[in-house]
Protein backbone atom coordinates (compact mmCIF):
# COMPACT_ATOMS: atom_id res chain seq x y z
CA MET A 1 -16.08 -82.54 -250.04
CA ALA A 2 -19.25 -84.22 -251.40
CA PHE A 3 -22.41 -84.53 -249.36
CA THR A 4 -25.49 -86.73 -249.53
CA ALA A 5 -29.23 -86.58 -248.93
CA LYS A 6 -28.58 -88.00 -245.48
CA ASP A 7 -26.27 -85.07 -244.70
CA VAL A 8 -28.96 -82.59 -245.73
CA ALA A 9 -31.50 -84.40 -243.54
CA GLN A 10 -29.09 -84.45 -240.60
CA LEU A 11 -28.34 -80.72 -240.92
CA ARG A 12 -32.05 -79.99 -241.09
CA GLU A 13 -32.63 -81.99 -237.92
CA LYS A 14 -29.79 -80.27 -236.09
CA THR A 15 -30.77 -76.71 -237.03
CA GLY A 16 -34.46 -76.70 -237.90
CA CYS A 17 -33.72 -74.90 -241.19
CA GLY A 18 -35.37 -75.59 -244.53
CA MET A 19 -33.97 -78.21 -246.85
CA MET A 20 -32.89 -75.73 -249.52
CA ASP A 21 -31.07 -73.60 -246.92
CA CYS A 22 -29.36 -76.72 -245.61
CA LYS A 23 -28.31 -77.77 -249.09
CA LYS A 24 -26.91 -74.29 -249.78
CA ALA A 25 -25.03 -74.29 -246.47
CA LEU A 26 -23.42 -77.66 -247.22
CA THR A 27 -22.52 -76.45 -250.70
CA GLU A 28 -20.91 -73.29 -249.32
CA SER A 29 -19.00 -75.28 -246.69
CA ASN A 30 -17.89 -78.06 -249.06
CA GLY A 31 -19.89 -80.63 -247.12
CA ASP A 32 -18.39 -79.82 -243.70
CA MET A 33 -21.28 -80.24 -241.21
CA ASP A 34 -19.90 -77.96 -238.47
CA ALA A 35 -19.03 -75.25 -240.98
CA ALA A 36 -22.53 -75.55 -242.48
CA ILE A 37 -24.09 -75.03 -239.05
CA ASP A 38 -21.91 -71.95 -238.55
CA PHE A 39 -22.94 -70.66 -242.00
CA LEU A 40 -26.63 -70.97 -241.13
CA ARG A 41 -26.16 -69.31 -237.75
CA GLU A 42 -24.13 -66.46 -239.22
CA LYS A 43 -26.96 -65.84 -241.67
CA GLY A 44 -29.44 -65.81 -238.79
CA LEU A 45 -31.17 -68.92 -240.09
CA ALA A 46 -30.46 -71.27 -237.19
CA ALA A 47 -30.36 -71.12 -233.42
CA ALA A 48 -27.52 -72.79 -231.50
CA ALA A 49 -27.06 -76.28 -232.90
CA LYS A 50 -28.57 -79.05 -230.82
CA LYS A 51 -25.89 -81.27 -229.36
CA SER A 52 -28.17 -84.15 -228.51
CA GLY A 53 -28.64 -85.42 -232.06
CA ARG A 54 -31.71 -87.24 -233.17
CA ILE A 55 -33.88 -89.07 -230.64
CA ALA A 56 -34.82 -92.37 -232.24
CA ALA A 57 -34.19 -95.51 -230.16
CA GLU A 58 -36.67 -96.88 -227.66
CA GLY A 59 -36.15 -98.24 -224.15
CA ILE A 60 -35.62 -96.48 -220.83
CA ALA A 61 -33.42 -93.81 -219.30
CA TYR A 62 -33.52 -94.76 -215.63
CA ALA A 63 -32.03 -93.20 -212.49
CA ALA A 64 -31.80 -94.45 -208.91
CA ALA A 65 -29.91 -93.95 -205.67
CA ASN A 66 -29.19 -96.21 -202.74
CA GLU A 67 -31.21 -95.88 -199.53
CA ALA A 68 -28.56 -93.68 -197.89
CA GLY A 69 -28.63 -91.27 -200.83
CA ASN A 70 -24.85 -91.30 -201.20
CA VAL A 71 -24.51 -93.44 -204.34
CA GLY A 72 -26.53 -92.86 -207.49
CA VAL A 73 -26.70 -94.06 -211.06
CA VAL A 74 -28.31 -92.98 -214.30
CA ILE A 75 -28.46 -95.66 -216.98
CA GLU A 76 -29.90 -96.16 -220.46
CA VAL A 77 -31.04 -99.51 -221.81
CA ASN A 78 -32.40 -99.60 -225.37
CA ALA A 79 -34.90 -101.81 -227.14
CA GLU A 80 -36.51 -101.79 -230.56
CA THR A 81 -40.06 -100.63 -229.71
CA ASP A 82 -41.78 -98.49 -227.12
CA PHE A 83 -43.95 -101.46 -226.17
CA VAL A 84 -40.95 -103.16 -224.60
CA ALA A 85 -40.23 -100.06 -222.48
CA LYS A 86 -43.58 -100.67 -220.74
CA ASN A 87 -42.92 -104.36 -220.24
CA ASP A 88 -42.42 -105.26 -216.54
CA GLU A 89 -39.81 -107.87 -217.43
CA PHE A 90 -37.76 -105.26 -219.29
CA ILE A 91 -38.21 -102.62 -216.58
CA ASN A 92 -37.09 -105.04 -213.87
CA PHE A 93 -33.99 -105.90 -215.91
CA VAL A 94 -33.11 -102.19 -216.13
CA LYS A 95 -33.55 -101.85 -212.36
CA THR A 96 -31.30 -104.87 -211.82
CA CYS A 97 -28.64 -103.28 -214.00
CA ALA A 98 -28.87 -100.03 -212.01
CA GLN A 99 -28.62 -101.80 -208.67
CA THR A 100 -25.62 -103.79 -209.90
CA VAL A 101 -23.87 -100.56 -210.88
CA ILE A 102 -24.60 -99.07 -207.45
CA ASP A 103 -23.34 -102.16 -205.61
CA GLN A 104 -20.31 -103.13 -207.70
CA ASN A 105 -19.11 -99.94 -209.42
CA PRO A 106 -18.13 -101.46 -212.79
CA ALA A 107 -15.77 -99.40 -214.93
CA ASP A 108 -17.87 -99.48 -218.12
CA VAL A 109 -20.66 -101.34 -219.90
CA ASP A 110 -18.48 -104.34 -220.73
CA ALA A 111 -17.51 -104.64 -217.08
CA LEU A 112 -21.17 -104.35 -216.05
CA LEU A 113 -22.15 -107.16 -218.41
CA ALA A 114 -19.55 -109.37 -216.75
CA CYS A 115 -20.83 -108.59 -213.23
CA LYS A 116 -22.95 -111.03 -211.27
CA ALA A 117 -26.35 -109.36 -211.30
CA ALA A 118 -27.71 -107.95 -208.03
CA GLY A 119 -29.98 -110.59 -206.51
CA PHE A 120 -29.13 -113.25 -209.10
CA GLU A 121 -26.59 -116.02 -209.64
CA GLN A 122 -26.26 -115.11 -213.33
CA THR A 123 -24.25 -112.30 -214.88
CA ILE A 124 -25.92 -109.28 -216.44
CA ALA A 125 -24.87 -110.60 -219.87
CA GLU A 126 -26.54 -113.95 -219.25
CA ILE A 127 -29.78 -112.34 -218.09
CA LEU A 128 -29.64 -109.96 -221.06
CA GLN A 129 -29.49 -112.88 -223.49
CA GLU A 130 -32.49 -114.47 -221.77
CA LYS A 131 -34.48 -111.24 -222.09
CA ILE A 132 -33.65 -110.95 -225.79
CA LEU A 133 -35.01 -114.47 -226.33
CA THR A 134 -38.12 -114.15 -224.18
CA ILE A 135 -39.09 -110.58 -225.15
CA GLY A 136 -38.20 -111.09 -228.79
CA GLU A 137 -36.37 -107.83 -229.41
CA ASN A 138 -32.77 -106.71 -229.49
CA ILE A 139 -31.89 -105.13 -226.12
CA LYS A 140 -28.71 -103.22 -225.42
CA VAL A 141 -27.23 -101.72 -222.26
CA ARG A 142 -25.95 -98.51 -223.80
CA ARG A 143 -24.38 -96.35 -221.07
CA PHE A 144 -24.38 -95.41 -217.39
CA VAL A 145 -22.82 -92.95 -214.95
CA ARG A 146 -22.33 -93.65 -211.25
CA ASN A 147 -21.67 -90.92 -208.66
CA GLU A 148 -20.91 -90.93 -204.97
CA GLY A 149 -21.72 -88.17 -202.50
CA ALA A 150 -24.97 -86.31 -201.86
CA VAL A 151 -26.97 -87.40 -204.91
CA ILE A 152 -30.54 -87.03 -206.07
CA THR A 153 -32.12 -88.82 -209.00
CA TYR A 154 -35.19 -88.07 -211.08
CA ILE A 155 -37.04 -89.87 -213.87
CA HIS A 156 -39.25 -87.93 -216.26
CA GLY A 157 -41.86 -89.14 -218.71
CA GLY A 158 -41.88 -92.76 -217.61
CA GLY A 159 -38.24 -93.26 -218.55
CA ARG A 160 -37.84 -90.80 -221.39
CA ILE A 161 -35.31 -88.78 -219.33
CA GLY A 162 -33.14 -89.82 -216.39
CA VAL A 163 -31.29 -87.25 -214.28
CA MET A 164 -28.75 -87.42 -211.46
CA VAL A 165 -27.41 -84.36 -209.62
CA ASN A 166 -24.46 -84.41 -207.23
CA PHE A 167 -24.14 -81.79 -204.46
CA ASP A 168 -21.47 -80.60 -202.05
CA ILE A 169 -23.38 -79.84 -198.86
CA THR A 170 -23.12 -79.50 -195.11
CA SER A 171 -23.82 -83.07 -194.00
CA ALA A 172 -26.34 -82.06 -191.35
CA ILE A 173 -28.86 -80.87 -193.96
CA SER A 174 -28.78 -83.89 -196.27
CA GLU A 175 -31.86 -85.56 -194.82
CA LYS A 176 -33.92 -82.44 -194.18
CA PRO A 177 -37.18 -82.44 -196.19
CA ALA A 178 -36.46 -78.92 -197.46
CA PHE A 179 -33.14 -80.04 -198.96
CA VAL A 180 -34.70 -83.11 -200.58
CA GLU A 181 -37.39 -80.90 -202.13
CA TYR A 182 -34.74 -78.42 -203.34
CA ALA A 183 -32.60 -81.19 -204.83
CA LYS A 184 -35.58 -82.69 -206.68
CA ASN A 185 -36.38 -79.26 -208.08
CA ILE A 186 -32.83 -78.91 -209.40
CA ALA A 187 -33.08 -82.34 -211.03
CA MET A 188 -36.37 -81.28 -212.64
CA GLN A 189 -34.63 -78.11 -213.89
CA VAL A 190 -31.94 -80.21 -215.56
CA ALA A 191 -34.57 -82.44 -217.16
CA ALA A 192 -36.66 -79.54 -218.46
CA ILE A 193 -34.18 -76.82 -219.45
CA VAL A 194 -31.24 -79.02 -220.59
CA PRO A 195 -28.15 -77.11 -219.39
CA ASN A 196 -24.75 -78.10 -220.77
CA TYR A 197 -22.56 -77.07 -217.82
CA VAL A 198 -22.93 -76.30 -214.11
CA ASP A 199 -21.36 -72.83 -214.36
CA GLU A 200 -19.19 -70.61 -216.59
CA SER A 201 -15.95 -72.06 -215.23
CA GLU A 202 -16.80 -75.41 -216.88
CA VAL A 203 -17.34 -73.96 -220.35
CA PRO A 204 -14.25 -74.71 -222.48
CA ALA A 205 -12.45 -71.66 -223.86
CA SER A 206 -12.83 -73.10 -227.36
CA VAL A 207 -16.62 -73.13 -226.96
CA VAL A 208 -16.64 -69.50 -225.78
CA GLU A 209 -14.40 -68.35 -228.63
CA HIS A 210 -16.46 -70.23 -231.18
CA GLU A 211 -19.66 -68.60 -229.91
CA ARG A 212 -17.97 -65.19 -229.85
CA LYS A 213 -17.00 -65.67 -233.51
CA ILE A 214 -20.57 -66.56 -234.50
CA LEU A 215 -22.02 -63.60 -232.58
CA THR A 216 -19.44 -61.23 -234.03
CA GLU A 217 -20.34 -62.32 -237.57
CA GLN A 218 -24.02 -61.73 -236.81
CA VAL A 219 -23.41 -58.23 -235.43
CA VAL A 220 -21.02 -57.19 -238.21
CA ASP A 221 -23.45 -58.45 -240.86
CA SER A 222 -26.19 -56.32 -239.28
CA GLY A 223 -24.11 -53.21 -240.04
CA LYS A 224 -23.21 -52.18 -236.48
CA PRO A 225 -19.98 -50.11 -236.14
CA ALA A 226 -16.94 -51.90 -234.67
CA ASN A 227 -16.93 -49.85 -231.44
CA VAL A 228 -20.51 -50.90 -230.73
CA ALA A 229 -20.21 -54.48 -231.97
CA GLU A 230 -17.88 -55.61 -229.17
CA LYS A 231 -20.29 -54.48 -226.43
CA ILE A 232 -23.21 -56.15 -228.19
CA VAL A 233 -21.27 -59.41 -228.52
CA GLU A 234 -20.31 -59.42 -224.83
CA GLY A 235 -23.94 -58.84 -223.89
CA ARG A 236 -25.06 -61.71 -226.05
CA LEU A 237 -22.36 -63.93 -224.56
CA LYS A 238 -23.85 -63.33 -221.12
CA LYS A 239 -27.21 -64.43 -222.50
CA PHE A 240 -25.49 -67.50 -223.97
CA PHE A 241 -24.12 -68.45 -220.54
CA LYS A 242 -27.59 -68.06 -219.02
CA GLU A 243 -28.86 -70.59 -221.53
CA ILE A 244 -26.15 -73.25 -221.14
CA CYS A 245 -25.03 -72.91 -217.49
CA LEU A 246 -27.32 -74.42 -214.88
CA VAL A 247 -26.65 -71.95 -212.06
CA ASP A 248 -27.23 -68.95 -214.37
CA GLN A 249 -30.54 -70.20 -215.77
CA PRO A 250 -33.83 -68.74 -214.57
CA TYR A 251 -35.24 -71.14 -212.00
CA VAL A 252 -38.02 -73.05 -213.73
CA LYS A 253 -40.51 -72.63 -210.86
CA ASP A 254 -39.78 -68.93 -210.28
CA GLY A 255 -38.42 -66.96 -213.20
CA ASP A 256 -37.50 -64.04 -210.92
CA LEU A 257 -34.71 -66.18 -209.42
CA THR A 258 -31.70 -67.80 -211.01
CA VAL A 259 -30.86 -71.35 -209.98
CA GLN A 260 -27.91 -69.96 -208.01
CA GLN A 261 -30.15 -67.53 -206.13
CA TYR A 262 -32.59 -70.35 -205.35
CA THR A 263 -29.64 -72.46 -204.13
CA ASP A 264 -28.31 -69.67 -201.91
CA ALA A 265 -31.75 -69.00 -200.42
CA THR A 266 -32.25 -72.69 -199.61
CA ALA A 267 -28.82 -72.96 -197.99
CA LYS A 268 -29.54 -69.91 -195.86
CA GLU A 269 -32.91 -71.32 -194.82
CA LEU A 270 -31.32 -74.63 -193.80
CA GLY A 271 -28.36 -73.04 -192.07
CA GLY A 272 -25.75 -74.82 -194.18
CA THR A 273 -23.93 -74.69 -197.51
CA ILE A 274 -25.01 -76.10 -200.87
CA LYS A 275 -23.04 -76.28 -204.09
CA ILE A 276 -24.18 -78.04 -207.24
CA LYS A 277 -21.18 -80.19 -208.06
CA SER A 278 -22.25 -81.99 -211.25
CA PHE A 279 -25.21 -83.39 -213.13
CA VAL A 280 -25.94 -86.10 -215.67
CA ARG A 281 -28.93 -86.07 -218.01
CA PHE A 282 -29.72 -89.05 -220.24
CA GLU A 283 -32.50 -88.86 -222.79
CA LYS A 284 -33.74 -92.12 -224.25
CA GLY A 285 -32.26 -92.71 -227.69
CA GLU A 286 -30.18 -89.54 -227.56
CA GLY A 287 -27.87 -89.38 -230.57
CA ILE A 288 -29.07 -92.66 -232.10
CA GLU A 289 -30.41 -92.08 -235.58
CA LYS A 290 -33.46 -94.00 -236.75
CA ARG A 291 -33.94 -94.88 -240.40
CA GLU A 292 -36.14 -92.36 -242.21
CA ASP A 293 -36.35 -93.94 -245.63
CA ASN A 294 -39.24 -91.87 -246.98
CA PHE A 295 -37.71 -88.57 -245.90
CA ALA A 296 -34.33 -89.54 -247.36
CA ASP A 297 -36.02 -90.28 -250.67
CA GLU A 298 -37.74 -86.91 -250.51
CA VAL A 299 -34.46 -85.09 -250.04
CA ALA A 300 -32.43 -87.18 -252.48
CA ASN A 301 -33.66 -85.41 -255.59
CA MET A 302 -32.66 -82.04 -254.15
CA VAL A 303 -29.04 -83.08 -253.70
CA LYS A 304 -28.60 -84.53 -257.17
């Protein structure tokens, strides 16, 4: 399978490895990107591959909940430049989109565009077209997630990251200041540490087996005997879970506690029960690749 300069650049972005290492990995894997990532990791040249992809588009990742705190939304609306993200007209449009999702529960972006906008006679699509004309940039409602239940939302970096966390709790504690503070802290944890799953039970077996294979290759290549290698791999798998599972991560404000221990302590203090049910984390431009013409030219000669 052939590969291009763009593939080398993409592998470099995903792994942080040098261009020559990336070219070699793609050569060894016949251009297969996932196999090339595994090759680099097995050789100890790359950490776990980033799943987010390249951050390139501008706009806002926004999150909000209704006044009762039982319906929340996280939404991303993109524009061409960061100047637009600071424009009040654009920001108000994003807020209108979020409120419309909360009120009307559309099934997807197309359904949202067809909705009558909250507080307006026009549809979201009609207002969107007006904003494109008046602001002078292409604007796109990219994605959203709506949850019901005990939700908390958090916006980081002026709209760079939007987070929503959903909890199963004893209803009596939902409005207590200590719970609200706890919930905000969990949302901040999700924004800062970027977990992939709530707990180990959510991690697909295929992901675990894939990681076990990578770790096994690393240990075997280091020359460890087979009877020792298995124990080392299992130990490293536990570390892997601590990195990707929210409840197993060290709590960002107190590294002596895990998130689960912090959760249990808060529940005990409030005299109720708390379980982190789910979370959503949107990062502005996540996975949208921006043109990098100069860098592509730089790499092109290496691939030829």
